[in-house]
């Protein structure tokens, strides 16, 4: 077992906590896992592309499965609600939560090898945060190009 980055683990825990906020039943828990998967795919896919994300996810699953057997049946593609819900029924919330956090930790660490750990953590921390509202203009006050 290799030591995991505390920053990557903390980012994974924060992401799961935001995704699972208020989930108390196995069905809600499974839906939260699917929601988190979709958010990761959408957000990180913008930066590394869809195929890049799939490659990182597949590698993260291989690495995390070594210590987290529940992940054997998890694809991480947003269709894992039944697997996660069943695991919650058997183990309570702690088992599947730890497994999902381990998966996201692996994903953050792999991404960190490419773009740097700090940037990987920042990208994951941005997922599900509310974005600023309003219209943003690239024009400066009174400074239009008359070209």
Protein backbone atom coordinates (compact mmCIF):
# COMPACT_ATOMS: atom_id res chain seq x y z
CA UNK A 1 0.00 0.00 0.00
CA UNK A 2 1.48 3.34 -1.01
CA UNK A 3 0.82 6.48 0.97
CA UNK A 4 -1.84 8.69 -0.55
CA UNK A 5 -1.49 12.41 -0.85
CA UNK A 6 -3.33 14.08 2.04
CA UNK A 7 -4.40 16.91 -0.30
CA UNK A 8 -5.83 14.46 -2.86
CA UNK A 9 -7.63 12.51 -0.14
CA UNK A 10 -9.06 15.69 1.38
CA UNK A 11 -10.27 16.89 -2.04
CA UNK A 12 -11.91 13.51 -2.67
CA UNK A 13 -13.65 13.63 0.72
CA UNK A 14 -14.92 17.16 0.08
CA UNK A 15 -16.27 16.19 -3.33
CA UNK A 16 -18.05 13.12 -1.95
CA UNK A 17 -19.45 15.12 0.97
CA UNK A 18 -20.93 17.68 -1.43
CA UNK A 19 -22.35 14.98 -3.73
CA UNK A 20 -23.84 12.92 -0.88
CA UNK A 21 -25.16 15.89 1.08
CA UNK A 22 -28.50 14.83 2.53
CA UNK A 23 -28.41 11.29 1.12
CA UNK A 24 -29.69 8.84 3.69
CA UNK A 25 -31.28 5.94 1.82
CA UNK A 26 -29.48 3.45 -0.41
CA UNK A 27 -31.26 4.86 -3.48
CA UNK A 28 -30.22 8.43 -2.62
CA UNK A 29 -26.70 7.25 -1.88
CA UNK A 30 -26.46 5.50 -5.26
CA UNK A 31 -27.82 8.58 -7.03
CA UNK A 32 -25.19 10.70 -5.27
CA UNK A 33 -22.44 8.39 -6.54
CA UNK A 34 -23.77 8.66 -10.10
CA UNK A 35 -24.05 12.43 -9.75
CA UNK A 36 -20.45 12.65 -8.57
CA UNK A 37 -19.28 10.47 -11.47
CA UNK A 38 -21.09 12.66 -13.98
CA UNK A 39 -19.68 15.83 -12.41
CA UNK A 40 -16.13 14.46 -12.52
CA UNK A 41 -16.50 13.36 -16.13
CA UNK A 42 -17.95 16.69 -17.23
CA UNK A 43 -15.61 18.93 -15.29
CA UNK A 44 -12.33 17.10 -15.78
CA UNK A 45 -13.24 16.16 -19.35
CA UNK A 46 -13.17 19.86 -20.21
CA UNK A 47 -9.50 19.98 -19.24
CA UNK A 48 -8.15 16.63 -20.38
CA UNK A 49 -10.74 15.58 -22.97
CA UNK A 50 -13.25 12.78 -22.82
CA UNK A 51 -10.79 10.06 -23.80
CA UNK A 52 -8.18 11.40 -21.39
CA UNK A 53 -10.71 11.27 -18.59
CA UNK A 54 -11.72 7.70 -19.45
CA UNK A 55 -8.06 6.62 -19.49
CA UNK A 56 -7.42 8.20 -16.07
CA UNK A 57 -10.62 6.74 -14.65
CA UNK A 58 -9.79 3.23 -15.86
CA UNK A 59 -6.30 3.44 -14.35
CA UNK A 60 -7.69 4.84 -11.08
CA UNK A 61 -10.18 1.98 -10.90
CA UNK A 62 -7.42 -0.61 -11.40
CA UNK A 63 -5.33 0.93 -8.64
CA UNK A 64 -8.19 1.47 -6.18
CA UNK A 65 -9.67 -2.01 -6.69
CA UNK A 66 -6.57 -3.58 -5.16
CA UNK A 67 -7.65 -2.36 -1.71
CA UNK A 68 -11.36 -1.73 -2.26
CA UNK A 69 -13.17 -4.83 -3.58
CA UNK A 70 -16.54 -3.02 -3.89
CA UNK A 71 -15.05 -1.16 -6.84
CA UNK A 72 -14.84 -4.41 -8.83
CA UNK A 73 -18.43 -3.80 -9.92
CA UNK A 74 -18.10 -0.02 -10.28
CA UNK A 75 -17.53 1.44 -13.74
CA UNK A 76 -17.45 5.11 -12.73
CA UNK A 77 -19.55 6.01 -15.75
CA UNK A 78 -22.57 7.40 -13.95
CA UNK A 79 -24.51 4.11 -13.95
CA UNK A 80 -23.33 2.66 -10.67
CA UNK A 81 -26.32 3.53 -8.46
CA UNK A 82 -27.53 -0.08 -8.08
CA UNK A 83 -24.06 -1.31 -7.05
CA UNK A 84 -23.55 1.51 -4.56
CA UNK A 85 -27.08 1.18 -3.17
CA UNK A 86 -26.61 -2.57 -2.66
CA UNK A 87 -23.28 -1.97 -0.92
CA UNK A 88 -24.90 0.55 1.39
CA UNK A 89 -27.62 -1.94 2.28
CA UNK A 90 -24.95 -4.51 3.19
CA UNK A 91 -22.28 -2.30 4.79
CA UNK A 92 -23.98 0.93 5.75
CA UNK A 93 -22.70 4.22 4.37
CA UNK A 94 -19.11 3.94 5.63
CA UNK A 95 -17.93 1.14 3.32
CA UNK A 96 -19.05 2.56 -0.01
CA UNK A 97 -18.06 6.08 1.04
CA UNK A 98 -14.51 4.97 1.77
CA UNK A 99 -14.35 3.11 -1.55
CA UNK A 100 -15.61 6.09 -3.56
CA UNK A 101 -13.22 8.45 -1.79
CA UNK A 102 -10.36 6.05 -2.55
CA UNK A 103 -11.32 6.03 -6.23
CA UNK A 104 -11.45 9.81 -6.47
CA UNK A 105 -8.17 10.06 -4.54
CA UNK A 106 -6.51 7.81 -7.14
CA UNK A 107 -8.01 9.91 -9.91
CA UNK A 108 -6.71 13.14 -8.37
CA UNK A 109 -3.25 11.64 -7.86
CA UNK A 110 -3.05 10.41 -11.45
CA UNK A 111 -4.21 13.76 -12.76
CA UNK A 112 -1.65 15.42 -10.48
CA UNK A 113 1.14 13.53 -12.23
CA UNK A 114 0.12 15.25 -15.46
CA UNK A 115 -0.80 18.78 -14.41
CA UNK A 116 0.62 19.03 -10.90
CA UNK A 117 -0.94 18.11 -7.58
CA UNK A 118 -2.08 21.61 -6.65
CA UNK A 119 -3.89 22.11 -9.95
CA UNK A 120 -5.51 18.66 -9.79
CA UNK A 121 -6.84 19.38 -6.30
CA UNK A 122 -8.11 22.80 -7.41
CA UNK A 123 -9.97 21.30 -10.38
CA UNK A 124 -11.69 18.73 -8.19
CA UNK A 125 -12.51 21.35 -5.56
CA UNK A 126 -14.26 23.44 -8.22
CA UNK A 127 -16.70 20.65 -9.00
CA UNK A 128 -20.20 21.40 -7.67
CA UNK A 129 -19.24 24.80 -6.32
CA UNK A 130 -21.69 27.46 -7.37
CA UNK A 131 -20.36 29.56 -10.20
CA UNK A 132 -20.68 33.33 -10.15
CA UNK A 133 -23.83 34.61 -11.80
CA UNK A 134 -24.15 37.53 -14.14
CA UNK A 135 -22.83 38.67 -17.45
CA UNK A 136 -19.12 38.91 -17.86
CA UNK A 137 -17.72 41.26 -20.47
CA UNK A 138 -14.24 41.28 -21.90
CA UNK A 139 -14.59 44.97 -22.80
CA UNK A 140 -13.07 47.61 -20.60
CA UNK A 141 -15.10 50.65 -19.72
CA UNK A 142 -15.11 53.00 -22.72
CA UNK A 143 -12.31 51.07 -24.41
CA UNK A 144 -13.71 49.55 -27.57
CA UNK A 145 -11.65 48.87 -30.61
CA UNK A 146 -13.06 51.07 -33.34
CA UNK A 147 -11.26 49.02 -35.98
